[in-house]
Every structure is written in structure tokens, then in C-alpha cells.
Protein backbone atom coordinates (compact mmCIF):
# COMPACT_ATOMS: atom_id res chain seq x y z
CA MET A 1 -5.60 3.25 -32.01
CA LEU A 2 -7.49 -0.02 -32.15
CA GLY A 3 -10.43 1.02 -34.34
CA LYS A 4 -11.22 -1.79 -36.78
CA THR A 5 -7.67 -3.01 -36.80
CA CYS A 6 -7.33 -6.50 -35.41
CA ILE A 7 -4.78 -6.91 -32.70
CA LYS A 8 -2.23 -9.45 -33.76
CA LYS A 9 -1.99 -12.52 -31.59
CA VAL A 10 1.23 -12.77 -29.69
CA ILE A 11 2.53 -16.17 -28.77
CA CYS A 12 3.55 -16.26 -25.13
CA PRO A 13 7.09 -17.37 -24.38
CA ILE A 14 7.39 -20.95 -23.18
CA LEU A 15 7.23 -21.06 -19.41
CA VAL A 16 8.38 -24.07 -17.44
CA PHE A 17 7.15 -24.64 -13.91
CA LEU A 18 9.88 -24.52 -11.32
CA SER A 19 9.89 -25.15 -7.63
CA ILE A 20 8.55 -22.05 -5.92
CA PHE A 21 10.33 -20.50 -3.02
CA LEU A 22 9.20 -17.96 -0.47
CA VAL A 23 11.63 -15.09 -0.02
CA SER A 24 11.36 -13.45 3.36
CA CYS A 25 13.50 -11.52 5.77
CA ALA A 26 14.70 -14.78 7.20
CA GLY A 27 15.85 -16.08 3.82
CA SER A 28 14.41 -18.61 1.35
CA ALA A 29 12.30 -21.58 2.28
CA ALA A 30 10.11 -24.00 0.29
CA LEU A 31 6.54 -22.78 0.10
CA ALA A 32 4.26 -25.45 1.55
CA ASP A 33 0.98 -26.45 -0.03
CA GLY A 34 -1.82 -24.14 1.02
CA GLU A 35 -3.51 -20.81 0.28
CA TYR A 36 -1.56 -17.53 0.36
CA LEU A 37 -2.12 -13.83 -0.23
CA CYS A 38 -0.19 -12.45 -3.19
CA GLU A 39 0.20 -8.96 -4.64
CA VAL A 40 -0.14 -8.86 -8.43
CA SER A 41 0.97 -6.21 -10.94
CA LEU A 42 -0.47 -5.74 -14.43
CA SER A 43 0.89 -3.85 -17.43
CA GLY A 44 0.13 -3.74 -21.12
CA GLY A 45 -2.98 -3.05 -23.17
CA SER A 46 -4.48 0.43 -23.03
CA GLY A 47 -3.56 0.86 -19.36
CA LYS A 48 -7.23 1.16 -18.33
CA ALA A 49 -7.65 -2.43 -17.10
CA SER A 50 -6.57 -3.59 -13.67
CA ILE A 51 -6.61 -6.73 -11.54
CA GLU A 52 -7.66 -6.91 -7.90
CA SER A 53 -4.60 -7.01 -5.67
CA PRO A 54 -3.83 -8.83 -3.46
CA CYS A 55 -5.23 -12.05 -4.89
CA SER A 56 -5.48 -15.61 -3.64
CA VAL A 57 -2.72 -18.06 -4.63
CA ILE A 58 -3.00 -21.79 -4.01
CA ILE A 59 0.12 -23.97 -3.89
CA LYS A 60 -0.54 -27.62 -4.65
CA ASP A 61 2.15 -30.24 -5.25
CA GLY A 62 4.74 -27.51 -5.86
CA ALA A 63 2.65 -25.67 -8.48
CA ALA A 64 1.03 -22.25 -7.96
CA PHE A 65 -2.40 -21.18 -9.20
CA ALA A 66 -3.82 -17.67 -8.78
CA SER A 67 -7.46 -16.57 -8.69
CA ILE A 68 -7.55 -13.18 -10.41
CA VAL A 69 -10.42 -10.75 -10.84
CA TRP A 70 -10.37 -8.10 -13.58
CA SER A 71 -11.80 -4.59 -13.28
CA SER A 72 -14.18 -5.39 -16.17
CA SER A 73 -16.78 -8.04 -16.99
CA ASN A 74 -15.77 -8.05 -20.67
CA TYR A 75 -13.00 -10.67 -20.63
CA ASP A 76 -14.29 -14.05 -21.81
CA TYR A 77 -11.09 -16.11 -21.92
CA MET A 78 -7.34 -16.00 -21.30
CA ILE A 79 -4.47 -17.86 -22.95
CA VAL A 80 -1.62 -18.90 -20.68
CA LYS A 81 1.08 -21.55 -20.64
CA ASP A 82 0.41 -24.73 -18.70
CA ASN A 83 3.05 -26.56 -16.68
CA GLU A 84 4.31 -28.30 -19.82
CA GLY A 85 4.72 -25.07 -21.78
CA ALA A 86 1.66 -25.53 -24.01
CA ASP A 87 -0.92 -22.82 -24.70
CA LYS A 88 -3.99 -23.29 -22.54
CA LYS A 89 -7.29 -21.48 -23.00
CA ILE A 90 -8.97 -20.66 -19.68
CA LEU A 91 -12.60 -19.50 -19.63
CA ASN A 92 -14.15 -16.79 -17.47
CA GLU A 93 -15.45 -18.25 -14.19
CA ALA A 94 -17.59 -15.28 -13.11
CA ALA A 95 -21.36 -15.16 -13.23
CA SER A 96 -23.07 -12.91 -15.77
CA GLY A 97 -22.61 -9.23 -14.90
CA GLU A 98 -19.75 -9.85 -12.46
CA ASN A 99 -16.17 -8.81 -13.12
CA SER A 100 -14.32 -11.46 -15.13
CA SER A 101 -12.34 -13.94 -13.06
CA PHE A 102 -9.90 -16.72 -13.92
CA THR A 103 -7.76 -19.31 -12.17
CA ILE A 104 -4.39 -19.30 -13.90
CA PRO A 105 -1.01 -20.98 -13.32
CA VAL A 106 1.81 -18.86 -11.87
CA PRO A 107 5.19 -19.98 -13.25
CA TYR A 108 7.25 -17.97 -10.75
CA PHE A 109 7.14 -15.02 -8.40
CA ASP A 110 8.76 -11.57 -8.65
CA ARG A 111 9.33 -11.82 -12.40
CA GLU A 112 7.26 -10.67 -15.37
CA PHE A 113 5.54 -13.13 -17.71
CA SER A 114 3.03 -12.73 -20.55
CA VAL A 115 -0.60 -13.72 -20.92
CA ILE A 116 -3.30 -13.00 -23.50
CA ALA A 117 -6.81 -11.90 -22.54
CA ASP A 118 -9.71 -11.68 -24.97
CA THR A 119 -12.04 -8.72 -24.49
CA THR A 120 -15.51 -8.19 -25.92
CA ALA A 121 -15.64 -4.54 -24.88
CA MET A 122 -15.16 -3.34 -28.45
CA SER A 123 -17.37 -4.03 -31.45
CA THR A 124 -15.50 -7.28 -32.07
CA SER A 125 -13.45 -9.54 -29.83
CA HIS A 126 -9.77 -8.69 -29.47
CA GLU A 127 -6.94 -10.66 -27.96
CA ILE A 128 -4.64 -8.33 -26.01
CA GLU A 129 -1.26 -9.17 -24.54
CA TYR A 130 -0.62 -8.25 -20.91
CA SER A 131 2.31 -8.75 -18.55
CA LEU A 132 1.79 -10.01 -15.01
CA ILE A 133 4.05 -10.10 -11.98
CA PHE A 134 2.97 -12.14 -8.95
CA TRP A 135 5.00 -11.01 -5.97
CA THR A 136 6.22 -13.53 -3.43
CA PRO A 137 3.40 -14.31 -0.96
CA GLY A 138 3.72 -12.44 2.31
CA THR A 139 5.78 -9.57 0.87
CA VAL A 140 5.15 -6.14 -0.59
CA PRO A 141 6.02 -5.77 -4.31
CA GLY A 142 9.74 -5.24 -4.76
CA VAL A 143 12.59 -5.52 -7.25
CA GLN A 144 12.24 -8.18 -9.95
CA ASN A 145 14.53 -11.20 -9.74
CA GLU A 146 16.74 -12.14 -12.67
CA ASP A 147 16.01 -15.83 -12.10
CA PRO A 148 12.84 -17.39 -10.64
CA GLY A 149 13.16 -18.37 -7.01
CA VAL A 150 16.44 -16.49 -6.46
CA GLN A 151 16.55 -13.43 -4.24
CA ASN A 152 17.78 -10.34 -6.06
CA GLN A 153 21.32 -9.52 -5.02
CA ASP A 154 20.60 -5.78 -5.13
CA GLN A 155 18.08 -5.96 -2.29
CA ASN A 156 19.02 -4.59 1.12
CA PRO A 157 22.11 -2.63 0.01
CA GLN A 158 24.78 -1.81 2.51
CA LYS A 159 24.40 1.44 4.42
CA PRO A 160 26.33 4.14 2.53
CA ALA A 161 29.58 5.38 3.97
CA LEU A 162 29.21 9.16 3.70
CA THR A 163 32.35 11.15 2.91
CA GLY A 164 33.02 14.77 3.84
CA LEU A 165 30.25 14.75 6.44
CA THR A 166 30.35 14.48 10.23
CA LYS A 167 27.45 13.12 12.25
CA VAL A 168 26.28 15.61 14.86
CA SER A 169 22.96 14.23 16.13
CA GLU A 170 20.13 11.77 15.57
CA MET A 171 16.39 12.38 15.67
CA PRO A 172 14.84 10.90 18.84
CA LEU A 173 12.22 8.32 17.80
CA LEU A 174 10.09 6.38 20.27
CA TYR A 175 7.76 4.01 18.43
CA THR A 176 8.47 3.71 14.70
CA LYS A 177 10.31 0.75 13.22
CA GLY A 178 10.17 2.16 9.73
CA PHE A 179 12.66 5.04 9.53
CA SER A 180 15.48 6.93 11.17
CA VAL A 181 16.96 10.39 10.65
CA GLU A 182 20.59 11.29 11.36
CA HIS A 183 22.00 14.80 11.08
CA PHE A 184 25.38 15.54 9.51
CA GLU A 185 27.45 18.67 8.84
CA ASP A 186 29.99 19.50 6.16
CA GLU A 187 33.08 21.66 6.68
CA LYS A 188 30.96 24.82 6.32
CA LYS A 189 28.63 23.63 9.12
CA GLN A 190 25.77 23.16 6.69
CA ARG A 191 23.36 20.51 7.99
CA TYR A 192 22.36 17.44 5.97
CA SER A 193 19.73 14.86 6.93
CA PHE A 194 20.47 11.20 6.29
CA ILE A 195 17.20 9.25 6.17
CA THR A 196 16.89 5.46 6.32
CA ILE A 197 13.53 3.93 5.44
CA ALA A 198 13.97 0.36 6.56
CA ASP A 199 12.57 -2.98 5.54
CA GLY A 200 13.48 -4.61 8.86
CA ASP A 201 10.85 -7.14 9.85
CA MET A 202 8.19 -5.31 7.91
CA SER A 203 8.37 -6.67 4.36
CA GLY A 204 11.82 -7.71 3.16
CA GLU A 205 11.69 -4.81 0.76
CA THR A 206 14.74 -2.85 -0.32
CA THR A 207 15.92 -0.40 2.31
CA GLN A 208 16.00 3.23 1.16
CA TYR A 209 18.98 5.46 1.97
CA ILE A 210 18.35 9.15 1.36
CA LEU A 211 20.62 12.16 1.77
CA LEU A 212 18.74 15.46 2.02
CA ALA A 213 20.69 18.61 1.17
CA PRO A 214 20.24 21.75 3.31
CA ASP A 215 17.53 23.90 1.68
CA GLY A 216 18.85 23.15 -1.78
CA LYS A 217 22.17 24.78 -0.91
CA GLY A 218 24.38 21.81 -0.21
CA ASP A 219 27.91 21.39 -1.46
CA GLU A 220 27.32 20.15 -5.03
CA GLU A 221 30.73 18.52 -5.33
CA LEU A 222 30.31 16.70 -2.01
CA LEU A 223 26.79 15.51 -2.93
CA THR A 224 27.94 14.24 -6.30
CA GLU A 225 30.88 12.41 -4.72
CA ASN A 226 28.63 10.65 -2.22
CA LYS A 227 26.13 9.75 -4.91
CA ASN A 228 28.85 8.30 -7.17
CA ASN A 229 30.43 6.35 -4.33
CA ASN A 230 27.11 4.90 -3.17
CA PRO A 231 24.89 3.66 -6.04
CA GLY A 232 22.11 2.82 -3.58
CA LEU A 233 21.98 6.38 -2.22
CA THR A 234 19.16 8.75 -3.21
CA VAL A 235 20.09 12.44 -3.04
CA ILE A 236 17.32 15.03 -2.59
CA TYR A 237 18.49 18.51 -3.49
CA ASP A 238 15.31 20.36 -2.53
CA THR A 239 11.69 19.65 -1.60
CA GLU A 240 10.05 22.89 -2.78
CA LYS A 241 8.23 21.31 -5.75
CA THR A 242 7.19 17.90 -4.51
CA TYR A 243 4.96 15.44 -6.40
CA LEU A 244 2.85 13.87 -3.66
CA VAL A 245 1.24 10.55 -4.62
CA SER A 246 0.87 8.90 -1.22
CA GLY A 247 -2.52 9.85 0.21
CA GLN A 248 -1.36 9.14 3.76
CA ALA A 249 1.33 11.81 3.50
CA MET A 250 -0.97 14.78 2.79
CA ASP A 251 -2.49 15.08 6.27
CA PRO A 252 0.84 15.47 8.10
CA VAL A 253 2.04 17.86 5.39
CA VAL A 254 -1.05 20.04 5.91
CA LYS A 255 -0.79 19.86 9.69
CA LEU A 256 2.86 20.99 9.42
CA ASN A 257 1.85 24.02 7.30
CA ALA A 258 4.08 22.68 4.54
CA LEU A 259 1.46 22.57 1.78
CA GLN A 260 3.38 25.18 -0.19
CA ASN A 261 6.05 22.54 -0.78
CA ILE A 262 3.58 20.38 -2.72
CA ALA A 263 3.42 21.42 -6.38
CA PHE A 264 1.97 18.25 -7.90
CA SER A 265 -0.64 15.72 -6.85
CA GLY A 266 -1.24 12.08 -7.74
CA LYS A 267 -4.95 12.62 -7.04
CA LYS A 268 -7.46 14.84 -8.77
CA LYS A 269 -9.08 17.66 -6.86
CA GLU A 270 -12.39 15.85 -6.40
CA ASP A 271 -10.66 12.77 -4.98
CA TRP A 272 -9.11 14.53 -1.99
CA ALA A 273 -11.00 14.26 1.31
CA ILE A 274 -8.56 16.81 2.76
CA SER A 275 -10.10 20.19 1.97
CA GLU A 276 -6.80 22.09 2.07
CA ALA A 277 -5.43 19.89 -0.73
CA ALA A 278 -8.57 20.24 -2.83
CA ASP A 279 -8.61 24.02 -2.35
CA ALA A 280 -4.94 24.31 -3.37
CA MET A 281 -5.70 22.42 -6.56
CA GLU A 282 -8.72 24.64 -7.20
CA ARG A 283 -6.46 27.69 -6.95
CA GLY A 284 -3.89 26.08 -9.23
CA ASP A 285 -1.22 26.00 -6.52
CA ILE A 286 -1.07 22.22 -6.90
CA LEU A 287 -1.28 20.62 -10.34
CA TYR A 288 -2.59 17.16 -11.13
CA ALA A 289 0.38 15.20 -12.49
CA GLY A 290 -1.21 11.79 -12.99
CA LYS A 291 -1.57 8.78 -10.71
CA TYR A 292 1.34 6.61 -9.60
CA SER A 293 1.12 4.32 -12.64
CA ALA A 294 0.83 7.09 -15.24
CA PRO A 295 2.62 10.28 -14.15
CA ASP A 296 2.87 13.26 -16.49
CA PHE A 297 6.64 13.13 -16.93
CA GLU A 298 6.71 16.17 -19.22
CA LEU A 299 4.84 18.33 -16.70
CA LEU A 300 7.01 17.21 -13.79
CA VAL A 301 10.26 17.90 -15.64
CA SER A 302 9.17 21.19 -17.21
CA LYS A 303 7.98 22.56 -13.85
CA GLY A 304 11.11 21.46 -11.97
CA CYS A 305 9.80 18.70 -9.71
CA GLY A 306 12.43 17.97 -7.05
CA LEU A 307 10.93 14.96 -5.22
CA SER A 308 8.27 12.29 -5.65
CA ILE A 309 6.67 10.87 -2.48
CA GLU A 310 5.08 7.54 -3.36
CA ASN A 311 3.45 4.69 -1.48
CA THR A 312 4.29 1.04 -2.03
CA MET A 313 1.98 0.87 -5.07
CA ILE A 314 4.92 2.23 -7.08
CA TYR A 315 6.48 -1.22 -6.76
CA HIS A 316 3.65 -2.53 -8.91
CA ASN A 317 5.24 -0.47 -11.68
CA PRO A 318 9.00 -0.50 -11.07
CA LYS A 319 9.66 0.96 -14.52
CA ILE A 320 7.81 4.13 -13.50
CA LYS A 321 10.09 4.55 -10.50
CA GLU A 322 13.13 3.99 -12.70
CA LYS A 323 11.86 6.55 -15.23
CA LEU A 324 11.32 9.23 -12.58
CA GLU A 325 14.81 8.68 -11.24
CA SER A 326 16.34 8.72 -14.73
CA LEU A 327 14.74 12.15 -15.23
CA GLY A 328 16.45 13.44 -12.09
CA ILE A 329 13.39 13.18 -9.82
CA PRO A 330 14.31 11.30 -6.63
CA VAL A 331 11.68 8.91 -5.26
CA LEU A 332 10.86 8.39 -1.59
CA VAL A 333 8.51 5.47 -0.86
CA GLU A 334 6.68 6.10 2.38
CA ARG A 335 5.62 3.06 4.41
CA SER A 336 3.76 4.39 7.41
CA GLY A 337 0.86 2.00 6.79
CA TYR A 338 3.13 -0.95 7.59
CA GLU A 339 3.78 0.07 11.17
CA ASP A 340 2.47 -2.30 13.85
CA ASP A 341 2.14 0.32 16.59
CA PRO A 342 -0.42 3.10 15.94
CA LEU A 343 2.00 5.53 17.56
CA GLY A 344 4.67 4.27 15.18
CA ARG A 345 2.47 5.19 12.24
CA LEU A 346 1.75 8.56 13.80
CA GLU A 347 5.47 9.22 14.34
CA TRP A 348 6.01 9.43 10.57
CA VAL A 349 5.03 13.09 10.91
CA LYS A 350 8.63 13.56 12.10
CA LEU A 351 9.92 12.28 8.75
CA TYR A 352 7.91 14.95 6.95
CA GLY A 353 9.22 17.45 9.48
CA ALA A 354 12.75 16.53 8.38
CA LEU A 355 11.87 16.72 4.67
CA PHE A 356 10.24 20.14 4.90
CA ASP A 357 12.45 21.74 7.58
CA ARG A 358 9.79 21.60 10.29
CA GLU A 359 11.23 19.19 12.83
CA GLU A 360 10.18 21.21 15.87
CA GLU A 361 6.63 21.59 14.59
CA ALA A 362 6.49 17.86 13.90
CA LYS A 363 7.62 17.01 17.43
CA LYS A 364 4.93 19.27 18.92
CA LEU A 365 2.22 17.70 16.73
CA PHE A 366 3.33 14.20 17.66
CA ASP A 367 3.58 14.99 21.37
CA SER A 368 0.07 16.50 21.41
CA GLN A 369 -1.39 13.34 19.86
CA VAL A 370 0.54 11.10 22.24
CA GLU A 371 -0.77 13.10 25.18
CA ARG A 372 -4.36 12.47 24.06
CA ILE A 373 -3.68 8.78 23.48
CA GLU A 374 -1.98 8.40 26.87
CA GLU A 375 -5.19 9.64 28.47
CA LEU A 376 -7.12 6.95 26.59
CA LYS A 377 -4.70 4.22 27.70
CA GLY A 378 -6.13 4.36 31.19
CA LEU A 379 -9.60 3.33 30.06
CA PRO A 380 -10.80 0.00 31.47
CA ASP A 381 -11.15 -3.01 29.19
CA THR A 382 -14.74 -3.31 27.93
CA GLY A 383 -14.54 -7.05 27.31
CA LYS A 384 -16.02 -6.53 23.84
CA SER A 385 -14.49 -7.73 20.59
CA VAL A 386 -14.29 -6.00 17.21
CA ALA A 387 -13.71 -7.30 13.69
CA VAL A 388 -12.74 -4.94 10.83
CA PHE A 389 -13.27 -6.35 7.33
CA SER A 390 -14.37 -5.89 3.72
CA ILE A 391 -15.66 -8.33 1.09
CA ASP A 392 -14.44 -8.36 -2.52
CA SER A 393 -16.32 -9.28 -5.69
CA LYS A 394 -15.39 -12.96 -5.30
CA GLY A 395 -16.62 -13.23 -1.75
CA LYS A 396 -13.14 -13.14 -0.18
CA VAL A 397 -12.80 -11.25 3.08
CA SER A 398 -9.97 -8.75 3.56
CA ILE A 399 -8.89 -7.98 7.12
CA ARG A 400 -6.02 -6.08 8.67
CA ARG A 401 -3.38 -8.43 10.02
CA PRO A 402 -3.66 -9.00 13.79
CA GLY A 403 -0.88 -7.17 15.58
CA GLU A 404 -0.65 -4.16 13.25
CA TYR A 405 -1.80 -0.60 13.95
CA ILE A 406 -5.57 -1.02 13.42
CA SER A 407 -5.73 -3.83 15.98
CA GLY A 408 -3.50 -1.74 18.23
CA MET A 409 -5.95 1.19 18.17
CA ILE A 410 -8.89 -1.09 18.98
CA GLU A 411 -7.00 -2.50 21.95
CA LEU A 412 -6.10 1.02 23.15
CA ALA A 413 -9.83 1.81 23.04
CA GLY A 414 -10.50 -1.06 25.44
CA GLY A 415 -11.60 -3.64 22.88
CA LYS A 416 -10.35 -7.00 21.69
CA TYR A 417 -9.43 -7.36 18.01
CA LEU A 418 -10.61 -10.42 16.10
CA PRO A 419 -9.10 -12.62 14.75
CA ASP A 420 -6.92 -12.76 17.86
CA GLY A 421 -4.03 -14.92 16.67
CA PRO A 422 -1.45 -15.12 13.88
CA LEU A 423 -2.71 -16.02 10.40
CA GLY A 424 -0.09 -18.29 8.85
CA ASN A 425 3.24 -16.67 8.04
CA SER A 426 1.88 -13.57 6.35
CA THR A 427 3.72 -10.30 6.98
CA SER A 428 1.42 -8.20 4.78
CA SER A 429 -0.72 -5.55 6.44
CA THR A 430 -3.81 -7.00 4.75
CA VAL A 431 -4.80 -10.67 4.84
CA LYS A 432 -7.49 -12.41 2.79
CA LEU A 433 -9.69 -15.15 4.22
CA SER A 434 -12.45 -17.28 2.81
CA MET A 435 -15.88 -16.30 4.15
CA GLU A 436 -15.98 -19.61 6.03
CA ASP A 437 -12.67 -18.91 7.79
CA PHE A 438 -13.74 -15.36 8.61
CA PHE A 439 -16.99 -16.64 10.10
CA LEU A 440 -15.24 -19.26 12.21
CA LYS A 441 -12.69 -16.75 13.56
CA CYS A 442 -14.99 -13.74 14.02
CA GLU A 443 -18.54 -15.09 14.49
CA SER A 444 -18.52 -14.05 18.16
CA ALA A 445 -17.44 -10.44 17.51
CA ASP A 446 -19.55 -7.95 19.45
CA ILE A 447 -19.03 -5.25 16.81
CA LEU A 448 -18.42 -5.44 13.07
CA ILE A 449 -16.72 -2.52 11.27
CA TYR A 450 -16.93 -2.60 7.50
CA ASN A 451 -13.83 -1.14 5.87
CA SER A 452 -15.26 1.04 3.08
CA THR A 453 -11.82 2.27 2.02
CA ILE A 454 -11.40 -1.00 0.09
CA SER A 455 -14.81 -1.62 -1.48
CA GLY A 456 -17.01 1.41 -0.82
CA GLU A 457 -19.41 2.41 1.94
CA ILE A 458 -22.49 0.44 2.90
CA GLU A 459 -25.66 2.14 4.16
CA LYS A 460 -27.91 -0.74 5.22
CA LYS A 461 -27.64 -4.29 6.47
CA ALA A 462 -29.10 -5.43 3.15
CA ASP A 463 -26.00 -4.02 1.41
CA LEU A 464 -23.86 -6.30 3.55
CA LEU A 465 -26.05 -9.34 2.98
CA SER A 466 -25.86 -8.78 -0.76
CA LYS A 467 -22.14 -9.48 -0.43
CA SER A 468 -22.59 -12.55 1.78
CA GLU A 469 -25.63 -14.13 3.44
CA VAL A 470 -23.32 -15.76 5.98
CA ILE A 471 -22.97 -12.43 7.83
CA LYS A 472 -26.55 -12.69 9.14
CA ASN A 473 -25.47 -15.55 11.41
CA MET A 474 -22.81 -13.49 13.17
CA LYS A 475 -23.46 -12.17 16.68
CA ALA A 476 -22.91 -8.50 15.84
CA PHE A 477 -25.35 -8.67 12.92
CA LYS A 478 -28.05 -10.24 15.08
CA GLU A 479 -27.55 -7.59 17.75
CA GLY A 480 -27.35 -4.69 15.30
CA SER A 481 -23.81 -3.64 16.18
CA ILE A 482 -22.50 -2.87 12.69
CA TYR A 483 -20.58 0.24 11.67
CA CYS A 484 -18.97 1.49 8.46
CA LEU A 485 -15.54 3.14 8.38
CA SER A 486 -15.60 6.31 6.27
CA THR A 487 -13.78 6.20 2.94
CA ASP A 488 -11.56 9.15 3.89
CA TYR A 489 -10.18 7.63 7.09
CA TYR A 490 -6.85 6.43 5.68
CA GLU A 491 -6.07 9.92 4.41
CA MET A 492 -6.35 11.26 7.97
CA ALA A 493 -3.00 9.96 9.20
CA MET A 494 -2.88 12.44 12.10
CA SER A 495 -6.26 11.38 13.53
CA THR A 496 -5.14 8.38 15.57
CA ALA A 497 -6.63 9.73 18.80
CA ASP A 498 -9.94 10.53 17.05
CA PHE A 499 -10.30 6.98 15.73
CA ILE A 500 -9.50 5.47 19.13
CA THR A 501 -12.13 7.78 20.66
CA ASP A 502 -14.69 6.66 18.05
CA VAL A 503 -14.05 3.01 18.84
CA ARG A 504 -14.27 3.66 22.57
CA LYS A 505 -17.67 5.30 22.07
CA ILE A 506 -19.18 2.39 20.15
CA LEU A 507 -17.71 -0.08 22.64
CA SER A 508 -19.52 1.91 25.34
CA GLY A 509 -22.80 2.01 23.40
CA GLU A 510 -22.51 5.66 22.32
CA LYS A 511 -23.59 6.54 18.77
CA GLU A 512 -23.34 10.33 18.73
CA GLY A 513 -20.35 12.47 17.79
CA LEU A 514 -18.56 9.82 15.77
CA LYS A 515 -15.99 11.17 13.32
CA PHE A 516 -14.97 8.19 11.21
CA LEU A 517 -17.57 5.53 12.03
CA LYS A 518 -21.20 5.47 10.93
CA GLU A 519 -23.84 3.05 12.17
CA VAL A 520 -25.25 0.77 9.47
CA ALA A 521 -29.04 1.07 9.39
CA ASP A 522 -31.55 -1.78 9.38
């Protein structure tokens, strides 16, 4: 406990600036001067503090500088190493009452380094040591590199060569780029599912290879042999007591009537927008086992957790993933939110069908949604444009990358997504722009949709103007065509057709019967 005890200052290790390289699916290339979006991970301290991620990183003359925003207004300075290895004290740049913000040097990507932040939250000031990892711009957090600027040799392992198993079929998939499922049999004709969750062109992240045993009754000797022969292979023995952290996975699980397979949640009861999940927690059928960064390991082990379904946030804390696996709890990182095609995102229901032995039910659910969407595809183009955005505490605008599933749904509804062209070389699903850039690219948008899932819902136009006065000069603001996306939308992974219908309505001037969009009042 801190109490009145002073926290001893810790001298940061000397950091020397190196040339910074961008690691991507295509390989390594020098990172040109300019502004990039960068995921950032924080550890250390009490675990209560956080930093906004992604953040803005500026490369100038081969050196990287990050603009970071803390979750608290109580940090007054930071101590970091400058490009010559000397301690440098950097003062808080935020205005009074705003969350503390700093511009700090980044010595390298994908590797942990130390900083000190002074907090005034307690009765006296305390200097606290934290560890930061800035992940290579344009990628999702992944495995740390041993040396700065060098791609980790363990990434993208070779596909395992399974022994004692014969391939008998493969799951038909139409739209997804993110996963595949192959079916194998052993000598006793027991069926195993071999799941690949790919990086492909989506992030450069480590591919996952997963072997799912048949109802927890697989050949133990055969499973052990395959696991020993393939260090990159994850073996799932059963899915009856799953720890579900990924919010996007709950909706398909519920729709598949597989909720009984979920024994632990990464969300508290009151945080679930899905009533079935909240009710199960109220009954005690699902136990809260901590969020992704602080799971209750003792509870999970004592209650026999057999699988953890995480989202990519787990890569912000790779040691947590390693700990779960060391305790015998396999980890599956779902990546449906990185699909470009909305039907590709929707098709992930088939992965959960494979996990919970409901492949036929999953196919029927998917086909019913596709049928509804196919009917919408015939709608004529409205000629109207839509921009979806949010504004953070520093005035930066977050948008979904053009060409991914949100823009795809708007286009299916008969609209045009803005911005309408590529934004640099970013492959992230979310891109940050300055307010000026956002205005220049989206000023002519006929409709603005504020993404409340990032920074909370807005009720009135004044709420939007409090974030940026520039918005009042945009066409949609002048014409009163502003809507807010409900905070629970991203949990409703199986509602693709409903969202497209909502967008079609507002493009056609309808304001009644909207499910996920709400008009922002004057």
C-alpha cells in the first residue's frame, strides 16, 4: 500500500534512438516522416490508470514522438529519456480540468520501455514507474520483438502438420478472410475441428492454429503428440466452461443457444447490453472473472475454465495471455471486427458454431441474415454521403477506415461513405485525423453519425459543439442531419441487416423505427 510511504524513484534504463522501421505484411520498410496512428499499451502502478489508444505518433527526421492522454487529470509531469539517453522532464500540456497529456519520445516500437509519471492524486506527489509499449503504426498489438526494428521470428508460424488425423471436409465459407475450419477424423472416426484464425492482409499479427477435440473426448495421446510436435498449436479440450471476454462474441453465442457454455464473463452484469447475458449473471450461471487485463486466475482455475475467448485487446497485455496458457487455459483471439466485408464479419457466427457444436444452427442464422441483406442490395443509390466519427479529449477525430465493414454497410444501404479514399498506409480498422483533415474530407457529408461506442452518447448539437466548434460549418450540421450510434451497437454482431436498414431509413428521410441510430436534437 502507498499510504504515507514515498515511492522510490526509479532511474529509467538508458535508451538510444534507433532508426524506426514499419513492420507490415509486406515486410520492413523505413517509416517516412509524417503522422501515424499507433496502439499503446501501459502496465505498472496500481493498474487503475490507462492511456488513450490508439494515439498519434509523429515521425520527424527519423525520430518518433507520441502524443499520449492519460485517464486522469492528476499527472503533472513525466520523466523520460531523450534521444541522447539523458533524463528529460516533460510537463503536462492539457488545460486545467482536462485529462493529462504529454508529447514524449518513442525509442522503438513493439518493445517495452520505462517512464516515470508524477501524480498528485494522493495527499502528496508521487513518482510512479510505468512501462509502455508503442506498437508499430498500422498494426494491431502483437508479440514483442527482442531487438528494436526487427520482426519477431516467432510470428506467422508454419501451419502444423497434424499426425494421426485424416482430413474429411472443410467448412464452406463465402465472405470471411479471417478464419477457416477443417474437419479431421482419427482412427476411431472421432471428429476434430482444425481452426485457423489468419493474419493475412488484415494486420500482420500472429496466425492462430487451433485443434478442437470432439466434445472433450478426443484421443489424449494423439492430442498430446500433436501439441508437442507443433509448439504453435493451441489445443482446446472442451468449451463447456468458457471465459468470454470479447463483447462481439456474446451475441452469436446467444443466438446459437450456446449460452450454457459460457461460465465466466469479462464484463460485469450491468455492463452487458445483451439481456440474456445480464440475466445469466444475475442467476449466477455466469460469473464475473475480471476484465481482459486483470482476470481472476484463481477463480478460472478452481472452476475448471476450458477456454478463454478474447479480443485483440489481450495483445496490450501479452503476459496475461501467457499466464492463462501456462495455467492450462487455451486462448482464442477473435478478430471479427477486422473484416472488411460486413458479411465477412457476420460469417464469424460459423466459427462459434464450430466451437460449440452448432454448425448447422450457425449456417441457418447466417443464411437468414444474408437473405435479408440480399433484399437490401437491390435498393437504388440515394446519392447521399455519410461520415461516421467520434472526437477524443484532445480534439482528434476517430473514424472507421474506408473499405472496412462499416463503410460496406453504408454502401449497401445506398449511401456513400466519407472519406472516400485510402488514408495513408494504415491497415488498422480505426484511423485518427486532425479536426482540420476531417473537415476537409467530410465537410460535404449529407449525414453525420457520431460513434458513441468510443466516447459516449451525445443528446444535443451543443454536446457536439463542445467537442469542436468546427462541426457547425459542416453541411450535415447546418441541415440538421446528425445521428448518434447507440453504445450497445458493437455488441450486436448479428444485427448487420438491422443497421443497414437504419441507415437506409435516415438516407430516405425516415426517423421512426430506428434500432441503433438516434437523431441528435437541436
